[in-house]
Amino acid sequence: MSTELILKLVIGALVAVLLAVGAWWARKHPNRSKEYPEQVRLPKVVPFIGWLFFVFGLLMSLVSFAYAPSPLGARITAVAIFLGGLAFVLMYRNWYVAPRAHEVAFRTVLGKEHVVPYSDIAHYRVQVMKGQPILTVKSVNGAKLSLNIRTFDVTPLMAAIDFHKVTGRWPARTDVVGGSPGAEKYPSGN
C-alpha cells in the first residue's frame, strides 16, 4: 500500500467517525430555542455549514467577478455556493417543531407557521428512509409535517398516534392525565 492510499483511508475513517459522533451528540442534546424551550430547532451544525458556505461563496464571488478573465463556470459556482449557504442559514432560522399535549406547532423552512390539533390529523405514516424512521403527518387543512423521529423528540405526538391506534379516535383534552404530555389514559371500554 502506498502512503497516499493509507492517508486517504485514515482521513475518510476520521471524517466518518466525526460525523457519527456529531449525529449521536445532536440526538442526545436537541437544539431547543432559548425563548421558547418547547420548540426544537435544527441541529446547530446547519447554521455552521450555512455560514461557512455563505462566506466562502461570497469570497469566491468577489474574486471571480473582480478578475476579468474568470470563466463563467467559476462565477456560477461561486453564486451557487453563496445561495446554498444563504438557504441553510434561512432554513435554520425558520424551521422548528413544538409537540404539545393536544397539538403540534411547527414552522416550515419557508417560514409558514402551522398549528395542527391532533384531532385534525387526516393521515399519518411512519416509513423508513435510508435506515431512519420518518414520520409524515397531514392535517385536514393541508398542512404537512415530515421529520425524523429519532432526531426530534415528538413524544406527545407519538403518544397521540398510539392512542388513535388503540381507541380509533384522537385524544380529547380530558384524556390527558394531569396535563403531562405523553401520559394519555386509555379507556377500558375500547
N, C-alpha and C. Protein backbone atom coordinates (compact mmCIF):
# COMPACT_ATOMS: atom_id res chain seq x y z
N MET A 1 0.83 -1.18 0.00
CA MET A 1 0.00 0.00 0.00
C MET A 1 0.88 1.25 0.00
N SER A 2 0.43 2.21 -0.75
CA SER A 2 1.19 3.45 -0.81
C SER A 2 0.78 4.36 0.35
N THR A 3 1.62 5.30 0.66
CA THR A 3 1.36 6.25 1.74
C THR A 3 0.13 7.10 1.43
N GLU A 4 -0.03 7.42 0.15
CA GLU A 4 -1.18 8.23 -0.26
C GLU A 4 -2.50 7.51 0.00
N LEU A 5 -2.56 6.22 -0.32
CA LEU A 5 -3.78 5.44 -0.10
C LEU A 5 -4.08 5.31 1.40
N ILE A 6 -3.04 5.06 2.19
CA ILE A 6 -3.23 4.94 3.64
C ILE A 6 -3.74 6.26 4.21
N LEU A 7 -3.19 7.36 3.75
CA LEU A 7 -3.63 8.68 4.22
C LEU A 7 -5.09 8.94 3.85
N LYS A 8 -5.49 8.58 2.63
CA LYS A 8 -6.89 8.74 2.22
C LYS A 8 -7.82 7.90 3.08
N LEU A 9 -7.43 6.67 3.38
CA LEU A 9 -8.27 5.80 4.21
C LEU A 9 -8.38 6.34 5.63
N VAL A 10 -7.29 6.82 6.18
CA VAL A 10 -7.31 7.36 7.55
C VAL A 10 -8.19 8.61 7.61
N ILE A 11 -8.05 9.51 6.64
CA ILE A 11 -8.87 10.72 6.62
C ILE A 11 -10.34 10.37 6.43
N GLY A 12 -10.64 9.43 5.55
CA GLY A 12 -12.03 9.00 5.34
C GLY A 12 -12.62 8.40 6.60
N ALA A 13 -11.86 7.55 7.30
CA ALA A 13 -12.34 6.95 8.55
C ALA A 13 -12.55 8.01 9.62
N LEU A 14 -11.63 8.98 9.69
CA LEU A 14 -11.75 10.05 10.67
C LEU A 14 -13.00 10.90 10.42
N VAL A 15 -13.26 11.23 9.18
CA VAL A 15 -14.46 12.01 8.83
C VAL A 15 -15.72 11.21 9.18
N ALA A 16 -15.74 9.90 8.87
CA ALA A 16 -16.90 9.07 9.18
C ALA A 16 -17.15 9.01 10.68
N VAL A 17 -16.10 8.85 11.47
CA VAL A 17 -16.25 8.80 12.92
C VAL A 17 -16.74 10.15 13.45
N LEU A 18 -16.19 11.26 12.96
CA LEU A 18 -16.63 12.58 13.40
C LEU A 18 -18.11 12.83 13.06
N LEU A 19 -18.54 12.40 11.87
CA LEU A 19 -19.95 12.55 11.50
C LEU A 19 -20.85 11.71 12.41
N ALA A 20 -20.43 10.49 12.71
CA ALA A 20 -21.23 9.62 13.58
C ALA A 20 -21.32 10.19 15.00
N VAL A 21 -20.21 10.70 15.52
CA VAL A 21 -20.21 11.29 16.86
C VAL A 21 -21.08 12.55 16.88
N GLY A 22 -20.98 13.37 15.83
CA GLY A 22 -21.80 14.57 15.74
C GLY A 22 -23.29 14.25 15.69
N ALA A 23 -23.66 13.24 14.91
CA ALA A 23 -25.07 12.83 14.83
C ALA A 23 -25.57 12.30 16.17
N TRP A 24 -24.74 11.50 16.85
CA TRP A 24 -25.12 10.98 18.16
C TRP A 24 -25.32 12.11 19.16
N TRP A 25 -24.39 13.08 19.16
CA TRP A 25 -24.48 14.19 20.09
C TRP A 25 -25.72 15.04 19.82
N ALA A 26 -26.04 15.26 18.54
CA ALA A 26 -27.21 16.06 18.19
C ALA A 26 -28.50 15.38 18.64
N ARG A 27 -28.54 14.06 18.62
CA ARG A 27 -29.74 13.33 19.08
C ARG A 27 -29.86 13.39 20.60
N LYS A 28 -28.75 13.31 21.30
CA LYS A 28 -28.78 13.32 22.77
C LYS A 28 -29.04 14.72 23.33
N HIS A 29 -28.64 15.74 22.60
CA HIS A 29 -28.79 17.12 23.06
C HIS A 29 -29.55 17.93 22.00
N PRO A 30 -30.89 17.82 21.99
CA PRO A 30 -31.65 18.56 20.97
C PRO A 30 -31.46 20.06 21.12
N ASN A 31 -31.50 20.74 20.03
CA ASN A 31 -31.30 22.20 19.99
C ASN A 31 -32.64 22.87 20.28
N ARG A 32 -32.82 23.30 21.52
CA ARG A 32 -34.07 23.96 21.92
C ARG A 32 -33.90 25.48 21.85
N SER A 33 -34.97 26.14 21.50
CA SER A 33 -34.98 27.60 21.46
C SER A 33 -34.84 28.15 22.88
N LYS A 34 -34.04 29.19 23.05
CA LYS A 34 -33.86 29.78 24.38
C LYS A 34 -35.12 30.52 24.83
N GLU A 35 -35.80 31.18 23.90
CA GLU A 35 -37.03 31.92 24.24
C GLU A 35 -38.19 30.99 24.51
N TYR A 36 -38.33 29.95 23.69
CA TYR A 36 -39.45 29.01 23.79
C TYR A 36 -38.89 27.60 23.88
N PRO A 37 -38.63 27.08 25.09
CA PRO A 37 -37.97 25.79 25.23
C PRO A 37 -38.74 24.60 24.64
N GLU A 38 -40.03 24.76 24.39
CA GLU A 38 -40.79 23.65 23.79
C GLU A 38 -40.45 23.47 22.31
N GLN A 39 -39.88 24.50 21.69
CA GLN A 39 -39.54 24.44 20.27
C GLN A 39 -38.18 23.78 20.06
N VAL A 40 -38.19 22.72 19.25
CA VAL A 40 -36.96 22.04 18.90
C VAL A 40 -36.57 22.50 17.51
N ARG A 41 -35.34 22.96 17.38
CA ARG A 41 -34.85 23.50 16.12
C ARG A 41 -33.92 22.50 15.44
N LEU A 42 -33.47 22.85 14.25
CA LEU A 42 -32.50 22.02 13.54
C LEU A 42 -31.18 21.99 14.31
N PRO A 43 -30.37 20.95 14.11
CA PRO A 43 -29.07 20.90 14.81
C PRO A 43 -28.20 22.11 14.48
N LYS A 44 -27.33 22.47 15.41
CA LYS A 44 -26.51 23.67 15.26
C LYS A 44 -25.48 23.56 14.15
N VAL A 45 -25.27 22.37 13.63
CA VAL A 45 -24.32 22.21 12.53
C VAL A 45 -24.89 22.83 11.25
N VAL A 46 -26.21 22.95 11.15
CA VAL A 46 -26.83 23.51 9.95
C VAL A 46 -26.44 24.98 9.75
N PRO A 47 -26.55 25.86 10.77
CA PRO A 47 -26.12 27.24 10.53
C PRO A 47 -24.60 27.35 10.38
N PHE A 48 -23.85 26.47 11.04
CA PHE A 48 -22.40 26.49 10.88
C PHE A 48 -22.02 26.24 9.43
N ILE A 49 -22.59 25.20 8.83
CA ILE A 49 -22.33 24.90 7.43
C ILE A 49 -22.86 26.03 6.55
N GLY A 50 -24.02 26.56 6.88
CA GLY A 50 -24.60 27.66 6.11
C GLY A 50 -23.71 28.89 6.09
N TRP A 51 -23.22 29.30 7.26
CA TRP A 51 -22.36 30.48 7.31
C TRP A 51 -21.02 30.21 6.62
N LEU A 52 -20.52 28.98 6.74
CA LEU A 52 -19.28 28.63 6.06
C LEU A 52 -19.43 28.75 4.55
N PHE A 53 -20.50 28.18 4.01
CA PHE A 53 -20.76 28.28 2.57
C PHE A 53 -21.04 29.73 2.16
N PHE A 54 -21.77 30.45 2.99
CA PHE A 54 -22.12 31.84 2.69
C PHE A 54 -20.85 32.69 2.54
N VAL A 55 -19.96 32.60 3.52
CA VAL A 55 -18.73 33.41 3.49
C VAL A 55 -17.82 32.94 2.35
N PHE A 56 -17.66 31.63 2.21
CA PHE A 56 -16.80 31.09 1.16
C PHE A 56 -17.35 31.47 -0.22
N GLY A 57 -18.66 31.37 -0.41
CA GLY A 57 -19.28 31.75 -1.68
C GLY A 57 -19.16 33.23 -1.95
N LEU A 58 -19.28 34.05 -0.90
CA LEU A 58 -19.12 35.49 -1.07
C LEU A 58 -17.69 35.84 -1.51
N LEU A 59 -16.71 35.24 -0.85
CA LEU A 59 -15.31 35.48 -1.24
C LEU A 59 -15.03 35.00 -2.66
N MET A 60 -15.54 33.81 -2.98
CA MET A 60 -15.35 33.30 -4.35
C MET A 60 -16.02 34.21 -5.37
N SER A 61 -17.20 34.73 -5.04
CA SER A 61 -17.91 35.63 -5.95
C SER A 61 -17.13 36.91 -6.18
N LEU A 62 -16.60 37.46 -5.09
CA LEU A 62 -15.81 38.69 -5.22
C LEU A 62 -14.60 38.47 -6.12
N VAL A 63 -13.92 37.34 -5.92
CA VAL A 63 -12.73 37.06 -6.73
C VAL A 63 -13.11 36.80 -8.18
N SER A 64 -14.15 35.98 -8.40
CA SER A 64 -14.49 35.61 -9.78
C SER A 64 -15.07 36.77 -10.57
N PHE A 65 -15.80 37.68 -9.90
CA PHE A 65 -16.35 38.82 -10.63
C PHE A 65 -15.35 39.97 -10.75
N ALA A 66 -14.38 40.05 -9.84
CA ALA A 66 -13.39 41.12 -9.90
C ALA A 66 -12.29 40.81 -10.91
N TYR A 67 -12.02 39.54 -11.09
CA TYR A 67 -10.97 39.13 -12.02
C TYR A 67 -11.60 38.95 -13.39
N ALA A 68 -11.25 39.80 -14.35
CA ALA A 68 -11.91 39.87 -15.67
C ALA A 68 -11.89 38.56 -16.47
N PRO A 69 -10.73 37.87 -16.62
CA PRO A 69 -10.76 36.67 -17.47
C PRO A 69 -11.32 35.43 -16.76
N SER A 70 -12.00 35.60 -15.67
CA SER A 70 -12.55 34.47 -14.92
C SER A 70 -13.61 33.75 -15.77
N PRO A 71 -13.57 32.40 -15.83
CA PRO A 71 -14.55 31.68 -16.63
C PRO A 71 -15.97 31.79 -16.04
N LEU A 72 -16.95 31.63 -16.90
CA LEU A 72 -18.35 31.73 -16.48
C LEU A 72 -18.70 30.66 -15.45
N GLY A 73 -18.12 29.47 -15.59
CA GLY A 73 -18.37 28.37 -14.65
C GLY A 73 -17.97 28.72 -13.23
N ALA A 74 -16.85 29.44 -13.08
CA ALA A 74 -16.40 29.85 -11.75
C ALA A 74 -17.39 30.83 -11.12
N ARG A 75 -17.92 31.72 -11.93
CA ARG A 75 -18.89 32.69 -11.42
C ARG A 75 -20.19 32.00 -10.99
N ILE A 76 -20.65 31.08 -11.82
CA ILE A 76 -21.88 30.35 -11.50
C ILE A 76 -21.69 29.52 -10.24
N THR A 77 -20.56 28.85 -10.11
CA THR A 77 -20.27 28.04 -8.92
C THR A 77 -20.22 28.91 -7.67
N ALA A 78 -19.57 30.05 -7.75
CA ALA A 78 -19.46 30.95 -6.60
C ALA A 78 -20.83 31.43 -6.13
N VAL A 79 -21.66 31.82 -7.08
CA VAL A 79 -23.01 32.29 -6.73
C VAL A 79 -23.84 31.14 -6.16
N ALA A 80 -23.70 29.93 -6.71
CA ALA A 80 -24.45 28.77 -6.21
C ALA A 80 -24.05 28.44 -4.77
N ILE A 81 -22.75 28.49 -4.46
CA ILE A 81 -22.29 28.22 -3.10
C ILE A 81 -22.81 29.30 -2.16
N PHE A 82 -22.77 30.55 -2.57
CA PHE A 82 -23.28 31.67 -1.78
C PHE A 82 -24.77 31.48 -1.49
N LEU A 83 -25.56 31.17 -2.52
CA LEU A 83 -27.00 30.99 -2.33
C LEU A 83 -27.32 29.75 -1.50
N GLY A 84 -26.53 28.68 -1.67
CA GLY A 84 -26.71 27.49 -0.85
C GLY A 84 -26.48 27.78 0.62
N GLY A 85 -25.44 28.54 0.94
CA GLY A 85 -25.18 28.93 2.32
C GLY A 85 -26.30 29.78 2.88
N LEU A 86 -26.79 30.71 2.07
CA LEU A 86 -27.91 31.56 2.48
C LEU A 86 -29.15 30.71 2.76
N ALA A 87 -29.38 29.70 1.93
CA ALA A 87 -30.53 28.82 2.12
C ALA A 87 -30.42 28.04 3.44
N PHE A 88 -29.22 27.56 3.78
CA PHE A 88 -29.03 26.82 5.03
C PHE A 88 -29.28 27.74 6.23
N VAL A 89 -28.79 28.97 6.18
CA VAL A 89 -28.98 29.91 7.29
C VAL A 89 -30.46 30.24 7.46
N LEU A 90 -31.16 30.50 6.37
CA LEU A 90 -32.59 30.81 6.45
C LEU A 90 -33.40 29.59 6.90
N MET A 91 -32.99 28.40 6.44
CA MET A 91 -33.69 27.19 6.86
C MET A 91 -33.56 27.01 8.37
N TYR A 92 -32.38 27.22 8.92
CA TYR A 92 -32.18 27.10 10.37
C TYR A 92 -33.00 28.15 11.11
N ARG A 93 -33.00 29.36 10.59
CA ARG A 93 -33.72 30.45 11.25
C ARG A 93 -35.22 30.20 11.29
N ASN A 94 -35.77 29.63 10.25
CA ASN A 94 -37.22 29.48 10.14
C ASN A 94 -37.77 28.22 10.80
N TRP A 95 -37.15 27.08 10.65
CA TRP A 95 -37.78 25.80 10.98
C TRP A 95 -37.76 25.51 12.48
N TYR A 96 -38.88 25.01 12.99
CA TYR A 96 -38.94 24.45 14.35
C TYR A 96 -40.15 23.53 14.43
N VAL A 97 -40.16 22.69 15.45
CA VAL A 97 -41.31 21.85 15.76
C VAL A 97 -41.52 21.91 17.28
N ALA A 98 -42.80 22.01 17.69
CA ALA A 98 -43.13 22.09 19.11
C ALA A 98 -44.32 21.17 19.40
N PRO A 99 -44.06 19.89 19.74
CA PRO A 99 -45.16 18.99 20.08
C PRO A 99 -45.71 19.31 21.46
N ARG A 100 -47.02 19.43 21.53
CA ARG A 100 -47.69 19.74 22.79
C ARG A 100 -48.65 18.62 23.13
N ALA A 101 -49.34 18.76 24.26
CA ALA A 101 -50.24 17.70 24.73
C ALA A 101 -51.39 17.44 23.76
N HIS A 102 -51.91 18.48 23.08
CA HIS A 102 -53.09 18.31 22.22
C HIS A 102 -52.88 18.77 20.79
N GLU A 103 -51.68 19.29 20.49
CA GLU A 103 -51.42 19.81 19.15
C GLU A 103 -49.93 19.81 18.89
N VAL A 104 -49.60 19.94 17.64
CA VAL A 104 -48.20 20.11 17.26
C VAL A 104 -48.10 21.41 16.47
N ALA A 105 -47.19 22.28 16.90
CA ALA A 105 -46.95 23.54 16.21
C ALA A 105 -45.62 23.41 15.49
N PHE A 106 -45.56 23.94 14.29
CA PHE A 106 -44.30 23.90 13.54
C PHE A 106 -44.27 25.03 12.54
N ARG A 107 -43.05 25.33 12.11
CA ARG A 107 -42.84 26.34 11.09
C ARG A 107 -42.00 25.69 9.99
N THR A 108 -42.40 25.91 8.75
CA THR A 108 -41.70 25.31 7.62
C THR A 108 -40.41 26.06 7.34
N VAL A 109 -39.58 25.51 6.46
CA VAL A 109 -38.32 26.16 6.10
C VAL A 109 -38.57 27.48 5.39
N LEU A 110 -39.76 27.67 4.82
CA LEU A 110 -40.10 28.93 4.17
C LEU A 110 -40.72 29.94 5.13
N GLY A 111 -40.91 29.56 6.41
CA GLY A 111 -41.38 30.48 7.43
C GLY A 111 -42.88 30.45 7.70
N LYS A 112 -43.62 29.55 7.09
CA LYS A 112 -45.07 29.50 7.32
C LYS A 112 -45.35 28.67 8.58
N GLU A 113 -46.09 29.28 9.51
CA GLU A 113 -46.39 28.61 10.78
C GLU A 113 -47.70 27.85 10.70
N HIS A 114 -47.73 26.70 11.35
CA HIS A 114 -48.93 25.85 11.41
C HIS A 114 -49.10 25.34 12.83
N VAL A 115 -50.35 25.22 13.26
CA VAL A 115 -50.69 24.56 14.50
C VAL A 115 -51.75 23.52 14.14
N VAL A 116 -51.40 22.25 14.35
CA VAL A 116 -52.29 21.16 13.97
C VAL A 116 -52.76 20.45 15.23
N PRO A 117 -54.03 20.63 15.62
CA PRO A 117 -54.56 19.82 16.72
C PRO A 117 -54.56 18.35 16.31
N TYR A 118 -54.30 17.47 17.26
CA TYR A 118 -54.25 16.05 16.93
C TYR A 118 -55.57 15.56 16.34
N SER A 119 -56.67 16.18 16.74
CA SER A 119 -57.97 15.77 16.20
C SER A 119 -58.13 16.16 14.73
N ASP A 120 -57.27 17.05 14.21
CA ASP A 120 -57.34 17.47 12.81
C ASP A 120 -56.39 16.69 11.91
N ILE A 121 -55.74 15.67 12.44
CA ILE A 121 -54.83 14.86 11.62
C ILE A 121 -55.65 13.95 10.72
N ALA A 122 -55.46 14.12 9.43
CA ALA A 122 -56.20 13.32 8.45
C ALA A 122 -55.45 12.04 8.10
N HIS A 123 -54.12 12.11 8.09
CA HIS A 123 -53.30 10.96 7.67
C HIS A 123 -51.94 11.06 8.34
N TYR A 124 -51.42 9.92 8.78
CA TYR A 124 -50.07 9.87 9.30
C TYR A 124 -49.42 8.57 8.83
N ARG A 125 -48.10 8.62 8.72
CA ARG A 125 -47.37 7.44 8.24
C ARG A 125 -45.94 7.52 8.77
N VAL A 126 -45.43 6.38 9.20
CA VAL A 126 -44.02 6.27 9.57
C VAL A 126 -43.40 5.32 8.56
N GLN A 127 -42.40 5.82 7.84
CA GLN A 127 -41.71 4.98 6.87
C GLN A 127 -40.21 5.07 7.11
N VAL A 128 -39.50 4.04 6.73
CA VAL A 128 -38.06 4.01 6.90
C VAL A 128 -37.40 4.46 5.60
N MET A 129 -36.61 5.52 5.71
CA MET A 129 -35.87 6.04 4.56
C MET A 129 -34.40 6.09 4.94
N LYS A 130 -33.58 5.35 4.21
CA LYS A 130 -32.14 5.28 4.47
C LYS A 130 -31.87 4.88 5.91
N GLY A 131 -32.65 3.97 6.43
CA GLY A 131 -32.45 3.46 7.78
C GLY A 131 -32.99 4.34 8.89
N GLN A 132 -33.66 5.44 8.55
CA GLN A 132 -34.18 6.37 9.55
C GLN A 132 -35.71 6.40 9.50
N PRO A 133 -36.38 6.34 10.67
CA PRO A 133 -37.85 6.43 10.67
C PRO A 133 -38.32 7.86 10.45
N ILE A 134 -39.07 8.07 9.39
CA ILE A 134 -39.58 9.40 9.04
C ILE A 134 -41.09 9.40 9.26
N LEU A 135 -41.55 10.32 10.11
CA LEU A 135 -42.97 10.49 10.38
C LEU A 135 -43.51 11.59 9.47
N THR A 136 -44.59 11.29 8.76
CA THR A 136 -45.27 12.28 7.94
C THR A 136 -46.69 12.41 8.44
N VAL A 137 -47.08 13.63 8.78
CA VAL A 137 -48.42 13.92 9.30
C VAL A 137 -49.06 14.95 8.37
N LYS A 138 -50.29 14.67 7.94
CA LYS A 138 -51.05 15.62 7.12
C LYS A 138 -52.33 15.96 7.85
N SER A 139 -52.64 17.26 7.89
CA SER A 139 -53.85 17.70 8.57
C SER A 139 -54.99 17.83 7.57
N VAL A 140 -56.20 18.04 8.08
CA VAL A 140 -57.36 18.19 7.20
C VAL A 140 -57.30 19.47 6.38
N ASN A 141 -56.56 20.48 6.85
CA ASN A 141 -56.45 21.72 6.09
C ASN A 141 -55.23 21.74 5.17
N GLY A 142 -54.52 20.63 5.04
CA GLY A 142 -53.42 20.51 4.09
C GLY A 142 -52.04 20.73 4.64
N ALA A 143 -51.89 21.10 5.91
CA ALA A 143 -50.55 21.28 6.49
C ALA A 143 -49.86 19.93 6.59
N LYS A 144 -48.58 19.90 6.25
CA LYS A 144 -47.83 18.65 6.23
C LYS A 144 -46.55 18.82 7.03
N LEU A 145 -46.31 17.89 7.95
CA LEU A 145 -45.09 17.86 8.75
C LEU A 145 -44.40 16.53 8.48
N SER A 146 -43.13 16.60 8.15
CA SER A 146 -42.34 15.40 7.90
C SER A 146 -41.01 15.56 8.61
N LEU A 147 -40.67 14.60 9.49
CA LEU A 147 -39.42 14.70 10.24
C LEU A 147 -38.94 13.34 10.70
N ASN A 148 -37.68 13.29 11.07
CA ASN A 148 -37.05 12.08 11.58
C ASN A 148 -37.37 11.98 13.07
N ILE A 149 -38.04 10.91 13.50
CA ILE A 149 -38.46 10.81 14.89
C ILE A 149 -37.32 10.37 15.81
N ARG A 150 -36.19 9.96 15.25
CA ARG A 150 -35.02 9.70 16.09
C ARG A 150 -34.27 10.98 16.40
N THR A 151 -34.33 11.93 15.52
CA THR A 151 -33.62 13.19 15.71
C THR A 151 -34.43 14.18 16.54
N PHE A 152 -35.73 14.23 16.33
CA PHE A 152 -36.59 15.20 17.00
C PHE A 152 -37.54 14.48 17.94
N ASP A 153 -37.57 14.91 19.21
CA ASP A 153 -38.41 14.29 20.22
C ASP A 153 -39.85 14.78 20.07
N VAL A 154 -40.70 13.93 19.54
CA VAL A 154 -42.11 14.25 19.37
C VAL A 154 -42.96 13.24 20.16
N THR A 155 -42.56 13.01 21.41
CA THR A 155 -43.23 12.03 22.26
C THR A 155 -44.73 12.29 22.40
N PRO A 156 -45.19 13.53 22.63
CA PRO A 156 -46.64 13.74 22.74
C PRO A 156 -47.39 13.37 21.45
N LEU A 157 -46.81 13.67 20.31
CA LEU A 157 -47.44 13.32 19.03
C LEU A 157 -47.48 11.81 18.85
N MET A 158 -46.39 11.13 19.18
CA MET A 158 -46.36 9.66 19.06
C MET A 158 -47.35 9.01 20.04
N ALA A 159 -47.50 9.59 21.25
CA ALA A 159 -48.47 9.07 22.21
C ALA A 159 -49.89 9.25 21.67
N ALA A 160 -50.16 10.38 21.02
CA ALA A 160 -51.49 10.60 20.42
C ALA A 160 -51.74 9.62 19.29
N ILE A 161 -50.73 9.32 18.50
CA ILE A 161 -50.88 8.33 17.42
C ILE A 161 -51.13 6.95 18.00
N ASP A 162 -50.42 6.59 19.08
CA ASP A 162 -50.67 5.30 19.75
C ASP A 162 -52.09 5.25 20.30
N PHE A 163 -52.54 6.36 20.90
CA PHE A 163 -53.91 6.45 21.41
C PHE A 163 -54.91 6.22 20.28
N HIS A 164 -54.65 6.83 19.13
CA HIS A 164 -55.54 6.69 17.97
C HIS A 164 -55.56 5.24 17.47
N LYS A 165 -54.42 4.58 17.49
CA LYS A 165 -54.36 3.18 17.06
C LYS A 165 -55.18 2.28 17.99
N VAL A 166 -55.12 2.56 19.29
CA VAL A 166 -55.81 1.71 20.28
C VAL A 166 -57.31 1.99 20.30
N THR A 167 -57.70 3.26 20.32
CA THR A 167 -59.11 3.61 20.53
C THR A 167 -59.86 3.95 19.24
N GLY A 168 -59.14 4.28 18.17
CA GLY A 168 -59.80 4.66 16.93
C GLY A 168 -60.21 6.12 16.89
N ARG A 169 -59.84 6.88 17.91
CA ARG A 169 -60.13 8.31 17.93
C ARG A 169 -58.91 9.03 18.49
N TRP A 170 -58.88 10.34 18.25
CA TRP A 170 -57.77 11.15 18.74
C TRP A 170 -58.05 11.55 20.18
N PRO A 171 -57.03 11.74 21.00
CA PRO A 171 -57.27 12.09 22.41
C PRO A 171 -57.90 13.47 22.56
N ALA A 172 -58.88 13.53 23.45
CA ALA A 172 -59.50 14.81 23.79
C ALA A 172 -58.74 15.41 24.97
N ARG A 173 -59.04 16.65 25.29
CA ARG A 173 -58.33 17.29 26.40
C ARG A 173 -58.57 16.57 27.72
N THR A 174 -59.69 15.88 27.87
CA THR A 174 -59.98 15.16 29.11
C THR A 174 -59.23 13.84 29.20
N ASP A 175 -58.61 13.39 28.10
CA ASP A 175 -57.89 12.12 28.10
C ASP A 175 -56.46 12.25 28.60
N VAL A 176 -56.02 13.46 28.90
CA VAL A 176 -54.65 13.66 29.36
C VAL A 176 -54.66 13.72 30.88
N VAL A 177 -53.84 12.89 31.49
CA VAL A 177 -53.76 12.83 32.95
C VAL A 177 -52.87 13.96 33.44
N GLY A 178 -53.43 14.90 34.19
CA GLY A 178 -52.66 15.97 34.80
C GLY A 178 -51.97 16.89 33.82
N GLY A 179 -52.33 16.84 32.56
CA GLY A 179 -51.73 17.74 31.58
C GLY A 179 -50.32 17.37 31.16
N SER A 180 -49.81 16.22 31.62
CA SER A 180 -48.45 15.86 31.23
C SER A 180 -48.46 15.21 29.87
N PRO A 181 -47.63 15.69 28.95
CA PRO A 181 -47.61 15.14 27.60
C PRO A 181 -47.16 13.69 27.59
N GLY A 182 -47.82 12.91 26.77
CA GLY A 182 -47.45 11.52 26.61
C GLY A 182 -48.02 10.62 27.70
N ALA A 183 -48.90 11.13 28.56
CA ALA A 183 -49.44 10.33 29.65
C ALA A 183 -50.92 10.09 29.46
N GLU A 184 -51.34 9.81 28.24
CA GLU A 184 -52.76 9.59 27.97
C GLU A 184 -53.24 8.32 28.67
N LYS A 185 -54.46 8.37 29.18
CA LYS A 185 -55.03 7.16 29.76
C LYS A 185 -55.98 6.56 28.73
N TYR A 186 -55.92 5.30 28.59
CA TYR A 186 -56.73 4.60 27.61
C TYR A 186 -58.01 4.12 28.28
N PRO A 187 -59.18 4.45 27.71
CA PRO A 187 -60.44 4.00 28.28
C PRO A 187 -60.50 2.47 28.29
N SER A 188 -61.01 1.91 29.37
CA SER A 188 -61.02 0.45 29.49
C SER A 188 -62.07 -0.18 28.59
N GLY A 189 -63.06 0.58 28.17
CA GLY A 189 -64.13 0.00 27.34
C GLY A 189 -63.74 -0.16 25.88
N ASN A 190 -62.65 0.43 25.41
CA ASN A 190 -62.27 0.35 23.99
C ASN A 190 -61.12 -0.57 23.77
